[in-house]
Amino acid sequence: MFISSAFAQTAAAGGDMQSSLMSMLPLVLMFVVLYFVMIRPQMKKQKEHRTMIDALAKGDEIITAGGLLGKVTKLGDGYLTVEVSAGVEVQMQRSAVVQVLPKGTVK
């Protein structure tokens, strides 16, 4: 009599384990979808921006996050100097560069 009741309790516990795993499945699936829809593309975009900033050279024409267009005149480790107009130079962080323009865009 005692053995059969203990066996019944073990079988019920196994059923609860399976139902708890099934209740976690939607949460895991949502995380996987979130990773492929939001996290992965953002990491790819950051990597492309980092390679663009590392590839900056003297004479490149750029657009900054503030909307300034100019030509790179000096490069440092974290900063660069941009000529905005004839004789007007501005020093800014490398991370402020948003886009590198084709040569001849800035007059």
N, C-alpha and C. Protein backbone atom coordinates (compact mmCIF):
# COMPACT_ATOMS: atom_id res chain seq x y z
N MET A 1 0.82 -1.18 0.00
CA MET A 1 0.00 0.00 0.00
C MET A 1 0.87 1.26 0.00
N PHE A 2 1.95 1.30 0.76
CA PHE A 2 2.83 2.46 0.80
C PHE A 2 3.63 2.61 -0.49
N ILE A 3 4.01 1.51 -1.09
CA ILE A 3 4.81 1.56 -2.30
C ILE A 3 4.00 2.14 -3.46
N SER A 4 2.78 1.75 -3.59
CA SER A 4 1.96 2.25 -4.70
C SER A 4 1.69 3.75 -4.56
N SER A 5 1.49 4.25 -3.37
CA SER A 5 1.25 5.69 -3.22
C SER A 5 2.52 6.48 -3.51
N ALA A 6 3.69 5.97 -3.14
CA ALA A 6 4.95 6.65 -3.44
C ALA A 6 5.18 6.67 -4.94
N PHE A 7 4.87 5.60 -5.62
CA PHE A 7 5.02 5.54 -7.06
C PHE A 7 4.09 6.54 -7.74
N ALA A 8 2.91 6.70 -7.21
CA ALA A 8 1.95 7.65 -7.78
C ALA A 8 2.46 9.08 -7.63
N GLN A 9 3.09 9.40 -6.53
CA GLN A 9 3.62 10.74 -6.34
C GLN A 9 4.79 11.03 -7.29
N THR A 10 5.63 10.05 -7.55
CA THR A 10 6.75 10.22 -8.47
C THR A 10 6.25 10.46 -9.88
N ALA A 11 5.24 9.75 -10.29
CA ALA A 11 4.69 9.92 -11.63
C ALA A 11 4.08 11.30 -11.80
N ALA A 12 3.43 11.82 -10.78
CA ALA A 12 2.83 13.15 -10.85
C ALA A 12 3.91 14.22 -10.94
N ALA A 13 5.00 14.05 -10.23
CA ALA A 13 6.09 15.02 -10.27
C ALA A 13 6.71 15.08 -11.66
N GLY A 14 6.83 13.96 -12.34
CA GLY A 14 7.35 13.94 -13.70
C GLY A 14 6.44 14.70 -14.65
N GLY A 15 5.16 14.63 -14.48
CA GLY A 15 4.21 15.37 -15.32
C GLY A 15 4.31 16.86 -15.10
N ASP A 16 4.55 17.28 -13.85
CA ASP A 16 4.71 18.70 -13.55
C ASP A 16 5.98 19.26 -14.19
N MET A 17 7.01 18.45 -14.22
CA MET A 17 8.28 18.88 -14.82
C MET A 17 8.09 19.16 -16.30
N GLN A 18 7.37 18.30 -16.98
CA GLN A 18 7.14 18.48 -18.41
C GLN A 18 6.28 19.71 -18.67
N SER A 19 5.27 19.94 -17.86
CA SER A 19 4.41 21.10 -18.07
C SER A 19 5.17 22.40 -17.78
N SER A 20 6.09 22.38 -16.80
CA SER A 20 6.87 23.60 -16.53
C SER A 20 7.83 23.90 -17.68
N LEU A 21 8.39 22.86 -18.31
CA LEU A 21 9.25 23.09 -19.47
C LEU A 21 8.44 23.63 -20.65
N MET A 22 7.24 23.15 -20.81
CA MET A 22 6.39 23.65 -21.91
C MET A 22 5.96 25.09 -21.65
N SER A 23 5.81 25.48 -20.38
CA SER A 23 5.44 26.87 -20.10
C SER A 23 6.62 27.82 -20.33
N MET A 24 7.85 27.32 -20.25
CA MET A 24 9.03 28.14 -20.50
C MET A 24 9.32 28.28 -22.00
N LEU A 25 8.79 27.41 -22.81
CA LEU A 25 9.07 27.41 -24.25
C LEU A 25 8.70 28.73 -24.93
N PRO A 26 7.54 29.33 -24.68
CA PRO A 26 7.25 30.61 -25.34
C PRO A 26 8.23 31.72 -24.96
N LEU A 27 8.69 31.72 -23.72
CA LEU A 27 9.66 32.72 -23.28
C LEU A 27 10.98 32.56 -24.02
N VAL A 28 11.43 31.34 -24.18
CA VAL A 28 12.67 31.07 -24.90
C VAL A 28 12.51 31.44 -26.37
N LEU A 29 11.39 31.10 -26.96
CA LEU A 29 11.15 31.45 -28.37
C LEU A 29 11.11 32.96 -28.57
N MET A 30 10.52 33.70 -27.63
CA MET A 30 10.47 35.15 -27.75
C MET A 30 11.88 35.74 -27.68
N PHE A 31 12.73 35.19 -26.82
CA PHE A 31 14.11 35.68 -26.73
C PHE A 31 14.87 35.42 -28.02
N VAL A 32 14.67 34.24 -28.62
CA VAL A 32 15.35 33.90 -29.87
C VAL A 32 14.92 34.86 -30.98
N VAL A 33 13.62 35.12 -31.07
CA VAL A 33 13.11 36.06 -32.09
C VAL A 33 13.65 37.46 -31.83
N LEU A 34 13.67 37.89 -30.58
CA LEU A 34 14.21 39.21 -30.23
C LEU A 34 15.67 39.32 -30.62
N TYR A 35 16.44 38.27 -30.41
CA TYR A 35 17.85 38.29 -30.77
C TYR A 35 18.03 38.50 -32.27
N PHE A 36 17.29 37.74 -33.09
CA PHE A 36 17.48 37.83 -34.53
C PHE A 36 16.84 39.08 -35.14
N VAL A 37 15.85 39.66 -34.49
CA VAL A 37 15.17 40.82 -35.06
C VAL A 37 15.80 42.13 -34.60
N MET A 38 16.27 42.19 -33.34
CA MET A 38 16.76 43.46 -32.82
C MET A 38 18.25 43.46 -32.44
N ILE A 39 18.68 42.50 -31.69
CA ILE A 39 20.03 42.54 -31.13
C ILE A 39 21.08 42.31 -32.19
N ARG A 40 20.93 41.29 -33.00
CA ARG A 40 21.94 40.96 -34.01
C ARG A 40 22.13 42.07 -35.06
N PRO A 41 21.04 42.64 -35.62
CA PRO A 41 21.25 43.74 -36.58
C PRO A 41 21.92 44.96 -35.95
N GLN A 42 21.61 45.25 -34.68
CA GLN A 42 22.24 46.39 -34.01
C GLN A 42 23.74 46.14 -33.84
N MET A 43 24.13 44.93 -33.47
CA MET A 43 25.55 44.62 -33.31
C MET A 43 26.27 44.71 -34.65
N LYS A 44 25.61 44.30 -35.72
CA LYS A 44 26.20 44.39 -37.05
C LYS A 44 26.40 45.84 -37.46
N LYS A 45 25.42 46.68 -37.16
CA LYS A 45 25.51 48.11 -37.48
C LYS A 45 26.64 48.77 -36.69
N GLN A 46 26.80 48.42 -35.42
CA GLN A 46 27.88 48.97 -34.60
C GLN A 46 29.23 48.55 -35.15
N LYS A 47 29.35 47.32 -35.60
CA LYS A 47 30.62 46.84 -36.14
C LYS A 47 30.98 47.60 -37.42
N GLU A 48 29.99 47.83 -38.29
CA GLU A 48 30.23 48.58 -39.52
C GLU A 48 30.66 50.02 -39.21
N HIS A 49 30.03 50.64 -38.21
CA HIS A 49 30.38 52.02 -37.83
C HIS A 49 31.80 52.07 -37.28
N ARG A 50 32.17 51.08 -36.47
CA ARG A 50 33.51 51.03 -35.90
C ARG A 50 34.57 50.88 -36.99
N THR A 51 34.31 50.03 -37.99
CA THR A 51 35.28 49.86 -39.08
C THR A 51 35.37 51.13 -39.93
N MET A 52 34.24 51.84 -40.12
CA MET A 52 34.26 53.09 -40.87
C MET A 52 35.11 54.13 -40.14
N ILE A 53 34.95 54.24 -38.83
CA ILE A 53 35.70 55.21 -38.04
C ILE A 53 37.19 54.87 -38.04
N ASP A 54 37.50 53.59 -37.94
CA ASP A 54 38.91 53.18 -37.94
C ASP A 54 39.57 53.43 -39.30
N ALA A 55 38.78 53.43 -40.37
CA ALA A 55 39.33 53.60 -41.71
C ALA A 55 39.41 55.07 -42.14
N LEU A 56 39.04 56.00 -41.28
CA LEU A 56 39.12 57.42 -41.64
C LEU A 56 40.55 57.81 -41.95
N ALA A 57 40.70 58.65 -42.96
CA ALA A 57 42.03 59.12 -43.36
C ALA A 57 41.96 60.62 -43.62
N LYS A 58 43.12 61.24 -43.64
CA LYS A 58 43.22 62.67 -43.92
C LYS A 58 42.71 62.92 -45.34
N GLY A 59 41.83 63.92 -45.48
CA GLY A 59 41.27 64.26 -46.79
C GLY A 59 39.89 63.67 -47.02
N ASP A 60 39.42 62.78 -46.14
CA ASP A 60 38.07 62.23 -46.29
C ASP A 60 37.04 63.31 -46.02
N GLU A 61 35.94 63.26 -46.75
CA GLU A 61 34.84 64.19 -46.55
C GLU A 61 33.77 63.46 -45.76
N ILE A 62 33.31 64.10 -44.68
CA ILE A 62 32.43 63.41 -43.74
C ILE A 62 31.21 64.24 -43.38
N ILE A 63 30.23 63.56 -42.79
CA ILE A 63 29.08 64.21 -42.16
C ILE A 63 29.11 63.80 -40.70
N THR A 64 28.91 64.76 -39.79
CA THR A 64 28.92 64.46 -38.36
C THR A 64 27.49 64.27 -37.85
N ALA A 65 27.39 63.82 -36.61
CA ALA A 65 26.08 63.61 -35.99
C ALA A 65 25.33 64.92 -35.84
N GLY A 66 26.04 66.04 -35.74
CA GLY A 66 25.41 67.35 -35.62
C GLY A 66 25.01 67.95 -36.96
N GLY A 67 25.36 67.28 -38.06
CA GLY A 67 24.98 67.75 -39.38
C GLY A 67 26.04 68.57 -40.08
N LEU A 68 27.23 68.67 -39.52
CA LEU A 68 28.30 69.42 -40.17
C LEU A 68 28.92 68.60 -41.29
N LEU A 69 29.20 69.25 -42.41
CA LEU A 69 29.92 68.62 -43.51
C LEU A 69 31.31 69.23 -43.54
N GLY A 70 32.31 68.40 -43.73
CA GLY A 70 33.66 68.93 -43.78
C GLY A 70 34.66 67.90 -44.24
N LYS A 71 35.92 68.36 -44.29
CA LYS A 71 37.02 67.52 -44.74
C LYS A 71 37.96 67.29 -43.57
N VAL A 72 38.37 66.05 -43.37
CA VAL A 72 39.28 65.71 -42.28
C VAL A 72 40.66 66.26 -42.59
N THR A 73 41.23 67.05 -41.64
CA THR A 73 42.56 67.61 -41.85
C THR A 73 43.60 66.97 -40.93
N LYS A 74 43.21 66.58 -39.73
CA LYS A 74 44.13 65.94 -38.78
C LYS A 74 43.42 64.80 -38.10
N LEU A 75 44.18 63.75 -37.78
CA LEU A 75 43.63 62.59 -37.09
C LEU A 75 44.40 62.34 -35.80
N GLY A 76 43.67 62.03 -34.74
CA GLY A 76 44.26 61.61 -33.47
C GLY A 76 43.65 60.28 -33.07
N ASP A 77 43.96 59.82 -31.86
CA ASP A 77 43.41 58.56 -31.40
C ASP A 77 41.91 58.63 -31.19
N GLY A 78 41.45 59.62 -30.46
CA GLY A 78 40.03 59.74 -30.17
C GLY A 78 39.38 60.94 -30.83
N TYR A 79 40.20 61.84 -31.37
CA TYR A 79 39.68 63.08 -31.94
C TYR A 79 40.18 63.28 -33.35
N LEU A 80 39.47 64.11 -34.09
CA LEU A 80 39.90 64.50 -35.43
C LEU A 80 39.56 65.96 -35.64
N THR A 81 40.27 66.58 -36.56
CA THR A 81 40.02 67.98 -36.90
C THR A 81 39.39 68.02 -38.28
N VAL A 82 38.27 68.75 -38.36
CA VAL A 82 37.51 68.83 -39.61
C VAL A 82 37.50 70.28 -40.08
N GLU A 83 37.83 70.48 -41.35
CA GLU A 83 37.75 71.83 -41.94
C GLU A 83 36.34 71.99 -42.48
N VAL A 84 35.59 72.88 -41.83
CA VAL A 84 34.19 73.11 -42.18
C VAL A 84 34.08 74.11 -43.32
N SER A 85 34.92 75.12 -43.31
CA SER A 85 34.95 76.16 -44.33
C SER A 85 36.42 76.54 -44.52
N ALA A 86 36.69 77.38 -45.49
CA ALA A 86 38.08 77.78 -45.74
C ALA A 86 38.63 78.48 -44.51
N GLY A 87 39.61 77.88 -43.86
CA GLY A 87 40.25 78.47 -42.69
C GLY A 87 39.53 78.21 -41.38
N VAL A 88 38.39 77.52 -41.39
CA VAL A 88 37.64 77.24 -40.17
C VAL A 88 37.74 75.74 -39.87
N GLU A 89 38.41 75.44 -38.76
CA GLU A 89 38.59 74.03 -38.39
C GLU A 89 37.94 73.76 -37.04
N VAL A 90 37.34 72.59 -36.92
CA VAL A 90 36.64 72.19 -35.71
C VAL A 90 37.21 70.85 -35.26
N GLN A 91 37.48 70.75 -33.96
CA GLN A 91 37.97 69.47 -33.43
C GLN A 91 36.79 68.74 -32.78
N MET A 92 36.66 67.46 -33.07
CA MET A 92 35.54 66.67 -32.54
C MET A 92 35.96 65.23 -32.32
N GLN A 93 35.10 64.48 -31.66
CA GLN A 93 35.37 63.07 -31.40
C GLN A 93 35.16 62.26 -32.68
N ARG A 94 35.93 61.18 -32.80
CA ARG A 94 35.79 60.31 -33.97
C ARG A 94 34.40 59.69 -34.03
N SER A 95 33.82 59.37 -32.86
CA SER A 95 32.52 58.71 -32.83
C SER A 95 31.39 59.60 -33.34
N ALA A 96 31.63 60.91 -33.50
CA ALA A 96 30.61 61.82 -34.01
C ALA A 96 30.44 61.71 -35.52
N VAL A 97 31.35 61.02 -36.19
CA VAL A 97 31.24 60.86 -37.64
C VAL A 97 30.14 59.84 -37.94
N VAL A 98 29.22 60.26 -38.81
CA VAL A 98 28.09 59.39 -39.16
C VAL A 98 28.30 58.73 -40.51
N GLN A 99 28.88 59.49 -41.46
CA GLN A 99 29.00 58.97 -42.82
C GLN A 99 30.23 59.56 -43.49
N VAL A 100 30.87 58.75 -44.33
CA VAL A 100 31.97 59.23 -45.16
C VAL A 100 31.40 59.44 -46.55
N LEU A 101 31.58 60.64 -47.07
CA LEU A 101 31.02 61.01 -48.38
C LEU A 101 32.02 60.69 -49.48
N PRO A 102 31.52 60.55 -50.72
CA PRO A 102 32.44 60.38 -51.85
C PRO A 102 33.28 61.64 -52.06
N LYS A 103 34.47 61.46 -52.59
CA LYS A 103 35.39 62.60 -52.82
C LYS A 103 34.74 63.61 -53.77
N GLY A 104 34.91 64.88 -53.46
CA GLY A 104 34.38 65.95 -54.30
C GLY A 104 32.98 66.41 -53.92
N THR A 105 32.41 65.85 -52.87
CA THR A 105 31.06 66.26 -52.46
C THR A 105 31.07 67.63 -51.80
N VAL A 106 32.02 67.85 -50.91
CA VAL A 106 32.11 69.13 -50.19
C VAL A 106 32.97 70.06 -51.04
N LYS A 107 32.45 71.25 -51.32
CA LYS A 107 33.17 72.22 -52.16
C LYS A 107 33.90 73.23 -51.30
